[in-house]
Structure formats: C-alpha cells, structure tokens
Amino acid sequence: MNNWSNQETWNFMLWHGDNIEAHIEEYVDHFATLDEDELADDIEEFSYKLVGLNSTPIGFVRDAAAVTFHSINFRQIARHYQPIIDTAMTNAEIEIR
C-alpha cells in the first residue's frame, strides 16, 4: 500500500491525490499558516466537497461512503503534503529576494 496506513487512505490518494496537491499549491500561503491538525481538517473538508459527499442523497451509498471517509487517515495525508508546502514557501522567499 505504498506506506499508507490503510487501504482506504491509499485508494483515496490514488483517486484524489492530484486534486489535493493542486488545491494546496493554489492556496499554499494559507496552508503554510496551518499546523498539522488544521491542515488535515482543511484537506478533509476539501475532500468532502471534491467527491460531493455532502450533496449525495441520504441512503446506503452516502452511508457507505461516510464510513469509508471515516477510515481515511487525513493526518497522514497532511504529513505527506507538508514538504510540498515547505518547498513552495522556500521558493517564494527566494523569488522575493
């Protein structure tokens, strides 16, 4: 599972990792101000919007997806993207000089 904590996290990153990375790169100044927990919460919130879970009609599909989402390790995902944020901020500082 490529060092991910569980299969749900790994599958989620396979499907949505590029979208999350693009979102982080677009708002890197915002993400640079967050600690790991806040970053994980922000990624989780974005992910719910990304897959449209909140707009899915109430029923079996929504319940099954919510259970899967609960298994995703968003904190591990946040740690995965921290170096990208750090590099972007370092590059921004170099460009300013």
C-alpha atoms as a PDB file:
ATOM      1  CA  MET A   1       0.000   0.000   0.000  1.00  0.00           C
ATOM      2  CA  ASN A   2       2.948   2.317  -0.596  1.00  0.00           C
ATOM      3  CA  ASN A   3       3.453   3.154   3.092  1.00  0.00           C
ATOM      4  CA  TRP A   4      -0.109   4.428   3.641  1.00  0.00           C
ATOM      5  CA  SER A   5      -1.682   3.467   6.961  1.00  0.00           C
ATOM      6  CA  ASN A   6      -4.631   1.628   5.437  1.00  0.00           C
ATOM      7  CA  GLN A   7      -6.203   0.725   2.127  1.00  0.00           C
ATOM      8  CA  GLU A   8      -8.830   3.488   2.305  1.00  0.00           C
ATOM      9  CA  THR A   9      -6.145   6.172   2.596  1.00  0.00           C
ATOM     10  CA  TRP A  10      -4.113   4.604  -0.186  1.00  0.00           C
ATOM     11  CA  ASN A  11      -7.119   4.318  -2.530  1.00  0.00           C
ATOM     12  CA  PHE A  12      -8.193   7.871  -1.729  1.00  0.00           C
ATOM     13  CA  MET A  13      -4.748   9.203  -2.600  1.00  0.00           C
ATOM     14  CA  LEU A  14      -4.706   7.214  -5.840  1.00  0.00           C
ATOM     15  CA  TRP A  15      -8.008   8.773  -6.896  1.00  0.00           C
ATOM     16  CA  HIS A  16      -7.720  12.279  -5.478  1.00  0.00           C
ATOM     17  CA  GLY A  17      -4.069  12.974  -4.640  1.00  0.00           C
ATOM     18  CA  ASP A  18      -3.504  15.144  -7.734  1.00  0.00           C
ATOM     19  CA  ASN A  19      -6.585  17.259  -6.966  1.00  0.00           C
ATOM     20  CA  ILE A  20      -5.499  17.760  -3.361  1.00  0.00           C
ATOM     21  CA  GLU A  21      -1.981  18.706  -4.449  1.00  0.00           C
ATOM     22  CA  ALA A  22      -3.333  21.251  -6.955  1.00  0.00           C
ATOM     23  CA  HIS A  23      -5.585  22.709  -4.239  1.00  0.00           C
ATOM     24  CA  ILE A  24      -2.647  23.013  -1.847  1.00  0.00           C
ATOM     25  CA  GLU A  25      -0.431  24.608  -4.497  1.00  0.00           C
ATOM     26  CA  GLU A  26      -3.168  27.123  -5.352  1.00  0.00           C
ATOM     27  CA  TYR A  27      -3.595  28.195  -1.713  1.00  0.00           C
ATOM     28  CA  VAL A  28      -0.095  27.476  -0.408  1.00  0.00           C
ATOM     29  CA  ASP A  29       0.102  30.771   1.512  1.00  0.00           C
ATOM     30  CA  HIS A  30      -2.961  29.740   3.511  1.00  0.00           C
ATOM     31  CA  PHE A  31      -1.750  26.190   4.103  1.00  0.00           C
ATOM     32  CA  ALA A  32       1.662  27.390   5.261  1.00  0.00           C
ATOM     33  CA  THR A  33      -0.003  29.027   8.286  1.00  0.00           C
ATOM     34  CA  LEU A  34      -1.703  25.818   9.481  1.00  0.00           C
ATOM     35  CA  ASP A  35      -0.418  23.224  11.914  1.00  0.00           C
ATOM     36  CA  GLU A  36      -0.752  19.530  11.072  1.00  0.00           C
ATOM     37  CA  ASP A  37      -4.206  19.106  12.629  1.00  0.00           C
ATOM     38  CA  GLU A  38      -5.588  22.192  10.898  1.00  0.00           C
ATOM     39  CA  LEU A  39      -4.080  21.073   7.601  1.00  0.00           C
ATOM     40  CA  ALA A  40      -5.650  17.628   7.997  1.00  0.00           C
ATOM     41  CA  ASP A  41      -9.041  19.220   8.779  1.00  0.00           C
ATOM     42  CA  ASP A  42      -8.786  21.501   5.742  1.00  0.00           C
ATOM     43  CA  ILE A  43      -7.840  18.616   3.445  1.00  0.00           C
ATOM     44  CA  GLU A  44     -10.725  16.559   4.823  1.00  0.00           C
ATOM     45  CA  GLU A  45     -13.197  19.406   4.266  1.00  0.00           C
ATOM     46  CA  PHE A  46     -11.925  19.931   0.717  1.00  0.00           C
ATOM     47  CA  SER A  47     -12.166  16.187   0.085  1.00  0.00           C
ATOM     48  CA  TYR A  48     -15.830  16.082   1.096  1.00  0.00           C
ATOM     49  CA  LYS A  49     -16.504  18.854  -1.414  1.00  0.00           C
ATOM     50  CA  LEU A  50     -14.315  17.178  -4.033  1.00  0.00           C
ATOM     51  CA  VAL A  51     -16.295  13.947  -4.023  1.00  0.00           C
ATOM     52  CA  GLY A  52     -19.642  15.610  -3.365  1.00  0.00           C
ATOM     53  CA  LEU A  53     -20.360  13.501  -0.317  1.00  0.00           C
ATOM     54  CA  ASN A  54     -22.471  16.148   1.403  1.00  0.00           C
ATOM     55  CA  SER A  55     -24.645  16.534  -1.687  1.00  0.00           C
ATOM     56  CA  THR A  56     -25.183  12.780  -2.099  1.00  0.00           C
ATOM     57  CA  PRO A  57     -28.774  11.823  -1.242  1.00  0.00           C
ATOM     58  CA  ILE A  58     -29.235  10.225   2.163  1.00  0.00           C
ATOM     59  CA  GLY A  59     -29.185   6.471   1.861  1.00  0.00           C
ATOM     60  CA  PHE A  60     -26.956   3.438   1.570  1.00  0.00           C
ATOM     61  CA  VAL A  61     -24.409   4.961  -0.828  1.00  0.00           C
ATOM     62  CA  ARG A  62     -23.893   8.038   1.327  1.00  0.00           C
ATOM     63  CA  ASP A  63     -23.620   5.928   4.493  1.00  0.00           C
ATOM     64  CA  ALA A  64     -21.101   3.571   2.887  1.00  0.00           C
ATOM     65  CA  ALA A  65     -19.020   6.486   1.616  1.00  0.00           C
ATOM     66  CA  ALA A  66     -19.132   8.194   5.027  1.00  0.00           C
ATOM     67  CA  VAL A  67     -17.851   5.024   6.714  1.00  0.00           C
ATOM     68  CA  THR A  68     -15.004   4.846   4.212  1.00  0.00           C
ATOM     69  CA  PHE A  69     -14.195   8.529   4.708  1.00  0.00           C
ATOM     70  CA  HIS A  70     -14.037   7.928   8.435  1.00  0.00           C
ATOM     71  CA  SER A  71     -11.289   5.352   7.787  1.00  0.00           C
ATOM     72  CA  ILE A  72      -9.123   7.729   5.731  1.00  0.00           C
ATOM     73  CA  ASN A  73      -6.101   8.977   7.645  1.00  0.00           C
ATOM     74  CA  PHE A  74      -6.216  12.689   6.791  1.00  0.00           C
ATOM     75  CA  ARG A  75      -3.447  13.420   9.284  1.00  0.00           C
ATOM     76  CA  GLN A  76      -1.104  11.140   7.341  1.00  0.00           C
ATOM     77  CA  ILE A  77      -2.152  12.864   4.132  1.00  0.00           C
ATOM     78  CA  ALA A  78      -1.359  16.238   5.743  1.00  0.00           C
ATOM     79  CA  ARG A  79       2.120  14.979   6.693  1.00  0.00           C
ATOM     80  CA  HIS A  80       2.584  13.791   3.106  1.00  0.00           C
ATOM     81  CA  TYR A  81       1.917  17.277   1.709  1.00  0.00           C
ATOM     82  CA  GLN A  82       3.906  19.247   4.317  1.00  0.00           C
ATOM     83  CA  PRO A  83       7.196  19.038   2.337  1.00  0.00           C
ATOM     84  CA  ILE A  84       5.405  20.390  -0.754  1.00  0.00           C
ATOM     85  CA  ILE A  85       4.157  23.357   1.252  1.00  0.00           C
ATOM     86  CA  ASP A  86       7.587  23.955   2.795  1.00  0.00           C
ATOM     87  CA  THR A  87       9.298  23.817  -0.614  1.00  0.00           C
ATOM     88  CA  ALA A  88       6.777  26.210  -2.161  1.00  0.00           C
ATOM     89  CA  MET A  89       7.239  28.699   0.663  1.00  0.00           C
ATOM     90  CA  THR A  90      11.046  28.436   0.427  1.00  0.00           C
ATOM     91  CA  ASN A  91      10.877  29.026  -3.324  1.00  0.00           C
ATOM     92  CA  ALA A  92       8.597  32.012  -2.773  1.00  0.00           C
ATOM     93  CA  GLU A  93      11.094  33.501  -0.321  1.00  0.00           C
ATOM     94  CA  ILE A  94      13.918  33.029  -2.822  1.00  0.00           C
ATOM     95  CA  GLU A  95      11.914  34.782  -5.555  1.00  0.00           C
ATOM     96  CA  ILE A  96      11.243  37.751  -3.263  1.00  0.00           C
ATOM     97  CA  ARG A  97      14.968  38.296  -2.665  1.00  0.00           C
END
